């Protein structure tokens, strides 16, 4: 599957997430991953949206997002030019003969144990999406009982910021962000 990671700065106001999700729903675009959080500016949030490029026309998604009033800026994070991370909490059954093997796999992937009892182990995995997937593949034979993933977050590498990229700015943006973007 060919995925594309979009990074969007949006106004930190009620209903913005619903507007963005509604756009995807109306256009029958599928979101593979969505992470939303605050930025250094309390009036702005960052959405990291991962879409399947094979079934979703990425350029059209960007144009449609840019049209939303509360969306300040949208850029695609290129694979080679971005740092992407994901967090996963993984609960496994801890059968007596397999506990040591699970702990060895966790150590190889740098996944600390965040909960341990006689019947289960919960691991925390943080890393690139590929690394998290590789860990999950190695743990699958032991029986993953529960899995919670944050979705992908990402930033472009180097000194540049999203506000340095050319994209549509809307009149509803904060004065500070507009100053940064120009």
C-alpha atoms as a PDB file:
ATOM      1  CA  UNK A   1       0.000   0.000   0.000  1.00  0.00           C
ATOM      2  CA  UNK A   2       1.318   3.410  -0.970  1.00  0.00           C
ATOM      3  CA  UNK A   3       0.599   5.828   1.863  1.00  0.00           C
ATOM      4  CA  UNK A   4       0.928   9.592   1.922  1.00  0.00           C
ATOM      5  CA  UNK A   5       1.349  11.641   5.077  1.00  0.00           C
ATOM      6  CA  UNK A   6      -0.287  15.061   5.143  1.00  0.00           C
ATOM      7  CA  UNK A   7       0.491  17.638   7.795  1.00  0.00           C
ATOM      8  CA  UNK A   8      -2.151  20.322   8.307  1.00  0.00           C
ATOM      9  CA  UNK A   9      -2.174  23.354  10.557  1.00  0.00           C
ATOM     10  CA  UNK A  10      -5.739  24.091  11.650  1.00  0.00           C
ATOM     11  CA  UNK A  11      -7.425  26.546  13.950  1.00  0.00           C
ATOM     12  CA  UNK A  12      -7.669  25.154  17.481  1.00  0.00           C
ATOM     13  CA  UNK A  13     -11.459  25.541  17.687  1.00  0.00           C
ATOM     14  CA  UNK A  14     -14.381  23.210  18.350  1.00  0.00           C
ATOM     15  CA  UNK A  15     -15.681  21.413  15.275  1.00  0.00           C
ATOM     16  CA  UNK A  16     -12.542  21.586  13.125  1.00  0.00           C
ATOM     17  CA  UNK A  17     -11.891  17.853  13.372  1.00  0.00           C
ATOM     18  CA  UNK A  18     -15.538  17.178  12.438  1.00  0.00           C
ATOM     19  CA  UNK A  19     -15.210  19.418   9.365  1.00  0.00           C
ATOM     20  CA  UNK A  20     -12.068  17.631   8.205  1.00  0.00           C
ATOM     21  CA  UNK A  21     -13.555  14.177   8.863  1.00  0.00           C
ATOM     22  CA  UNK A  22     -16.731  15.243   7.066  1.00  0.00           C
ATOM     23  CA  UNK A  23     -14.730  16.246   4.010  1.00  0.00           C
ATOM     24  CA  UNK A  24     -13.122  12.796   3.871  1.00  0.00           C
ATOM     25  CA  UNK A  25     -16.489  11.119   4.387  1.00  0.00           C
ATOM     26  CA  UNK A  26     -18.293  13.155   1.685  1.00  0.00           C
ATOM     27  CA  UNK A  27     -15.569  12.401  -0.849  1.00  0.00           C
ATOM     28  CA  UNK A  28     -15.333   8.703   0.170  1.00  0.00           C
ATOM     29  CA  UNK A  29     -11.645   9.143   1.039  1.00  0.00           C
ATOM     30  CA  UNK A  30     -10.293   6.734   3.638  1.00  0.00           C
ATOM     31  CA  UNK A  31      -8.089   7.924   6.501  1.00  0.00           C
ATOM     32  CA  UNK A  32      -5.510   5.264   7.440  1.00  0.00           C
ATOM     33  CA  UNK A  33      -4.246   7.223  10.440  1.00  0.00           C
ATOM     34  CA  UNK A  34      -5.143  10.495  12.125  1.00  0.00           C
ATOM     35  CA  UNK A  35      -3.315  12.252  14.944  1.00  0.00           C
ATOM     36  CA  UNK A  36      -4.256  15.691  16.251  1.00  0.00           C
ATOM     37  CA  UNK A  37      -2.466  17.764  18.853  1.00  0.00           C
ATOM     38  CA  UNK A  38      -1.550  21.276  19.913  1.00  0.00           C
ATOM     39  CA  UNK A  39       1.361  23.264  18.519  1.00  0.00           C
ATOM     40  CA  UNK A  40       3.557  25.907  20.131  1.00  0.00           C
ATOM     41  CA  UNK A  41       0.798  28.419  19.271  1.00  0.00           C
ATOM     42  CA  UNK A  42      -2.233  27.683  21.465  1.00  0.00           C
ATOM     43  CA  UNK A  43      -4.579  28.923  18.706  1.00  0.00           C
ATOM     44  CA  UNK A  44      -3.270  26.332  16.210  1.00  0.00           C
ATOM     45  CA  UNK A  45      -3.361  22.520  16.160  1.00  0.00           C
ATOM     46  CA  UNK A  46      -1.529  20.115  13.862  1.00  0.00           C
ATOM     47  CA  UNK A  47      -3.306  17.239  12.156  1.00  0.00           C
ATOM     48  CA  UNK A  48      -1.244  14.429  10.719  1.00  0.00           C
ATOM     49  CA  UNK A  49      -3.389  12.495   8.264  1.00  0.00           C
ATOM     50  CA  UNK A  50      -2.237   9.342   6.499  1.00  0.00           C
ATOM     51  CA  UNK A  51      -4.127   8.358   3.354  1.00  0.00           C
ATOM     52  CA  UNK A  52      -3.802   5.432   0.958  1.00  0.00           C
ATOM     53  CA  UNK A  53      -2.453   6.906  -2.273  1.00  0.00           C
ATOM     54  CA  UNK A  54      -3.680   3.964  -4.361  1.00  0.00           C
ATOM     55  CA  UNK A  55      -7.356   4.602  -3.579  1.00  0.00           C
ATOM     56  CA  UNK A  56      -7.279   8.316  -2.760  1.00  0.00           C
ATOM     57  CA  UNK A  57      -6.137  11.079  -5.117  1.00  0.00           C
ATOM     58  CA  UNK A  58      -3.717  12.854  -2.750  1.00  0.00           C
ATOM     59  CA  UNK A  59      -3.532  16.097  -4.735  1.00  0.00           C
ATOM     60  CA  UNK A  60      -7.328  16.331  -4.639  1.00  0.00           C
ATOM     61  CA  UNK A  61      -7.337  15.730  -0.871  1.00  0.00           C
ATOM     62  CA  UNK A  62      -4.847  18.582  -0.384  1.00  0.00           C
ATOM     63  CA  UNK A  63      -6.895  20.941  -2.593  1.00  0.00           C
ATOM     64  CA  UNK A  64     -10.104  20.058  -0.751  1.00  0.00           C
ATOM     65  CA  UNK A  65      -8.479  20.524   2.672  1.00  0.00           C
ATOM     66  CA  UNK A  66      -7.078  23.893   1.563  1.00  0.00           C
ATOM     67  CA  UNK A  67     -10.631  25.035   0.774  1.00  0.00           C
ATOM     68  CA  UNK A  68     -11.817  24.518   4.363  1.00  0.00           C
ATOM     69  CA  UNK A  69     -11.973  27.874   6.164  1.00  0.00           C
ATOM     70  CA  UNK A  70     -10.437  26.647   9.422  1.00  0.00           C
ATOM     71  CA  UNK A  71      -7.508  24.902   7.709  1.00  0.00           C
ATOM     72  CA  UNK A  72      -4.493  27.211   7.711  1.00  0.00           C
ATOM     73  CA  UNK A  73      -1.966  25.221   5.713  1.00  0.00           C
ATOM     74  CA  UNK A  74      -1.509  21.700   4.299  1.00  0.00           C
ATOM     75  CA  UNK A  75       1.687  20.033   3.092  1.00  0.00           C
ATOM     76  CA  UNK A  76       2.611  16.475   2.176  1.00  0.00           C
ATOM     77  CA  UNK A  77       5.532  15.056   4.129  1.00  0.00           C
ATOM     78  CA  UNK A  78       7.852  13.299   1.686  1.00  0.00           C
ATOM     79  CA  UNK A  79       9.202   9.951   2.902  1.00  0.00           C
ATOM     80  CA  UNK A  80      12.866  10.915   2.538  1.00  0.00           C
ATOM     81  CA  UNK A  81      12.461  14.426   3.915  1.00  0.00           C
ATOM     82  CA  UNK A  82      10.395  13.688   7.033  1.00  0.00           C
ATOM     83  CA  UNK A  83      10.763  12.153  10.455  1.00  0.00           C
ATOM     84  CA  UNK A  84       7.693  10.070  11.304  1.00  0.00           C
ATOM     85  CA  UNK A  85       6.943   8.322  14.577  1.00  0.00           C
ATOM     86  CA  UNK A  86       4.170   6.268  16.115  1.00  0.00           C
ATOM     87  CA  UNK A  87       3.414   4.951  19.591  1.00  0.00           C
ATOM     88  CA  UNK A  88       1.869   1.537  20.238  1.00  0.00           C
ATOM     89  CA  UNK A  89       0.864  -0.206  23.439  1.00  0.00           C
ATOM     90  CA  UNK A  90       0.868  -3.972  22.961  1.00  0.00           C
ATOM     91  CA  UNK A  91      -0.639  -6.468  25.412  1.00  0.00           C
ATOM     92  CA  UNK A  92       0.457 -10.084  25.076  1.00  0.00           C
ATOM     93  CA  UNK A  93      -0.469 -13.225  26.941  1.00  0.00           C
ATOM     94  CA  UNK A  94       2.496 -14.209  29.112  1.00  0.00           C
ATOM     95  CA  UNK A  95       2.591 -17.988  28.938  1.00  0.00           C
ATOM     96  CA  UNK A  96       5.384 -19.368  31.141  1.00  0.00           C
ATOM     97  CA  UNK A  97       7.508 -20.820  28.332  1.00  0.00           C
ATOM     98  CA  UNK A  98       7.289 -17.734  26.101  1.00  0.00           C
ATOM     99  CA  UNK A  99       7.839 -14.870  28.546  1.00  0.00           C
ATOM    100  CA  UNK A 100      11.632 -14.768  28.100  1.00  0.00           C
ATOM    101  CA  UNK A 101      11.371 -14.886  24.296  1.00  0.00           C
ATOM    102  CA  UNK A 102       8.892 -11.963  24.331  1.00  0.00           C
ATOM    103  CA  UNK A 103      11.221  -9.959  26.572  1.00  0.00           C
ATOM    104  CA  UNK A 104      14.149 -10.628  24.213  1.00  0.00           C
ATOM    105  CA  UNK A 105      12.172  -9.396  21.198  1.00  0.00           C
ATOM    106  CA  UNK A 106      11.113  -6.323  23.177  1.00  0.00           C
ATOM    107  CA  UNK A 107      14.748  -5.615  24.073  1.00  0.00           C
ATOM    108  CA  UNK A 108      15.876  -5.883  20.436  1.00  0.00           C
ATOM    109  CA  UNK A 109      13.242  -3.315  19.414  1.00  0.00           C
ATOM    110  CA  UNK A 110      13.820  -1.082  22.436  1.00  0.00           C
ATOM    111  CA  UNK A 111      10.233  -1.588  23.596  1.00  0.00           C
ATOM    112  CA  UNK A 112      10.073  -1.111  27.371  1.00  0.00           C
ATOM    113  CA  UNK A 113       7.707  -3.097  29.569  1.00  0.00           C
ATOM    114  CA  UNK A 114       5.069  -0.776  31.011  1.00  0.00           C
ATOM    115  CA  UNK A 115       3.000  -3.429  32.795  1.00  0.00           C
ATOM    116  CA  UNK A 116       3.854  -6.939  33.868  1.00  0.00           C
ATOM    117  CA  UNK A 117       1.802  -9.498  35.745  1.00  0.00           C
ATOM    118  CA  UNK A 118       1.729 -13.297  35.871  1.00  0.00           C
ATOM    119  CA  UNK A 119      -0.694 -13.535  32.938  1.00  0.00           C
ATOM    120  CA  UNK A 120       0.238 -10.652  30.618  1.00  0.00           C
ATOM    121  CA  UNK A 121       2.889  -8.206  29.447  1.00  0.00           C
ATOM    122  CA  UNK A 122       2.253  -4.709  28.085  1.00  0.00           C
ATOM    123  CA  UNK A 123       4.985  -3.223  25.909  1.00  0.00           C
ATOM    124  CA  UNK A 124       5.424   0.352  24.699  1.00  0.00           C
ATOM    125  CA  UNK A 125       6.779   0.693  21.179  1.00  0.00           C
ATOM    126  CA  UNK A 126       7.837   4.052  19.803  1.00  0.00           C
ATOM    127  CA  UNK A 127       9.471   4.495  16.441  1.00  0.00           C
ATOM    128  CA  UNK A 128       8.995   4.752  12.725  1.00  0.00           C
ATOM    129  CA  UNK A 129       5.839   3.085  11.419  1.00  0.00           C
ATOM    130  CA  UNK A 130       8.004   0.413   9.745  1.00  0.00           C
ATOM    131  CA  UNK A 131       9.752  -0.368  13.028  1.00  0.00           C
ATOM    132  CA  UNK A 132       6.449  -0.653  14.914  1.00  0.00           C
ATOM    133  CA  UNK A 133       5.098  -2.948  12.168  1.00  0.00           C
ATOM    134  CA  UNK A 134       8.237  -5.123  12.348  1.00  0.00           C
ATOM    135  CA  UNK A 135       7.851  -5.470  16.117  1.00  0.00           C
ATOM    136  CA  UNK A 136       4.193  -6.441  15.727  1.00  0.00           C
ATOM    137  CA  UNK A 137       5.100  -9.060  13.112  1.00  0.00           C
ATOM    138  CA  UNK A 138       7.669 -10.575  15.499  1.00  0.00           C
ATOM    139  CA  UNK A 139       5.194 -10.595  18.387  1.00  0.00           C
ATOM    140  CA  UNK A 140       2.210 -11.954  16.411  1.00  0.00           C
ATOM    141  CA  UNK A 141       3.065 -15.641  16.998  1.00  0.00           C
ATOM    142  CA  UNK A 142       2.777 -15.071  20.766  1.00  0.00           C
ATOM    143  CA  UNK A 143      -0.785 -13.799  20.514  1.00  0.00           C
ATOM    144  CA  UNK A 144      -1.384 -10.079  20.715  1.00  0.00           C
ATOM    145  CA  UNK A 145      -4.384  -9.715  23.040  1.00  0.00           C
ATOM    146  CA  UNK A 146      -4.808  -5.972  22.694  1.00  0.00           C
ATOM    147  CA  UNK A 147      -3.256  -3.211  20.634  1.00  0.00           C
ATOM    148  CA  UNK A 148      -3.589   0.585  20.831  1.00  0.00           C
ATOM    149  CA  UNK A 149      -1.780   2.776  18.286  1.00  0.00           C
ATOM    150  CA  UNK A 150      -1.576   6.552  18.216  1.00  0.00           C
ATOM    151  CA  UNK A 151      -1.293   6.961  14.492  1.00  0.00           C
ATOM    152  CA  UNK A 152       1.571   8.645  12.741  1.00  0.00           C
ATOM    153  CA  UNK A 153       2.987  12.072  13.556  1.00  0.00           C
ATOM    154  CA  UNK A 154       5.700  13.723  11.523  1.00  0.00           C
ATOM    155  CA  UNK A 155       7.821  16.754  10.803  1.00  0.00           C
ATOM    156  CA  UNK A 156       9.985  17.688   7.851  1.00  0.00           C
ATOM    157  CA  UNK A 157      13.708  17.195   8.407  1.00  0.00           C
ATOM    158  CA  UNK A 158      16.063  20.157   8.595  1.00  0.00           C
ATOM    159  CA  UNK A 159      15.548  23.729   9.714  1.00  0.00           C
ATOM    160  CA  UNK A 160      12.399  24.454   7.689  1.00  0.00           C
ATOM    161  CA  UNK A 161       8.897  24.447   9.152  1.00  0.00           C
ATOM    162  CA  UNK A 162       5.430  23.926   7.703  1.00  0.00           C
ATOM    163  CA  UNK A 163       4.993  27.686   7.672  1.00  0.00           C
ATOM    164  CA  UNK A 164       7.934  27.935   5.229  1.00  0.00           C
ATOM    165  CA  UNK A 165       6.100  25.888   2.574  1.00  0.00           C
ATOM    166  CA  UNK A 166       3.936  27.360  -0.134  1.00  0.00           C
ATOM    167  CA  UNK A 167       0.301  26.554   0.529  1.00  0.00           C
ATOM    168  CA  UNK A 168      -2.952  28.421   0.853  1.00  0.00           C
ATOM    169  CA  UNK A 169      -3.300  30.747   3.828  1.00  0.00           C
ATOM    170  CA  UNK A 170      -6.802  31.635   4.897  1.00  0.00           C
ATOM    171  CA  UNK A 171      -7.960  35.020   6.203  1.00  0.00           C
ATOM    172  CA  UNK A 172      -9.022  33.435   9.487  1.00  0.00           C
ATOM    173  CA  UNK A 173      -5.465  32.578  10.552  1.00  0.00           C
ATOM    174  CA  UNK A 174      -3.847  34.146  13.565  1.00  0.00           C
ATOM    175  CA  UNK A 175      -1.632  37.197  12.960  1.00  0.00           C
ATOM    176  CA  UNK A 176       1.412  35.399  14.426  1.00  0.00           C
ATOM    177  CA  UNK A 177       1.047  32.442  12.061  1.00  0.00           C
ATOM    178  CA  UNK A 178       0.537  34.695   9.070  1.00  0.00           C
ATOM    179  CA  UNK A 179       3.716  36.562   9.992  1.00  0.00           C
ATOM    180  CA  UNK A 180       5.597  33.258  10.185  1.00  0.00           C
ATOM    181  CA  UNK A 181       4.172  32.046   6.873  1.00  0.00           C
ATOM    182  CA  UNK A 182       5.174  35.138   4.896  1.00  0.00           C
END
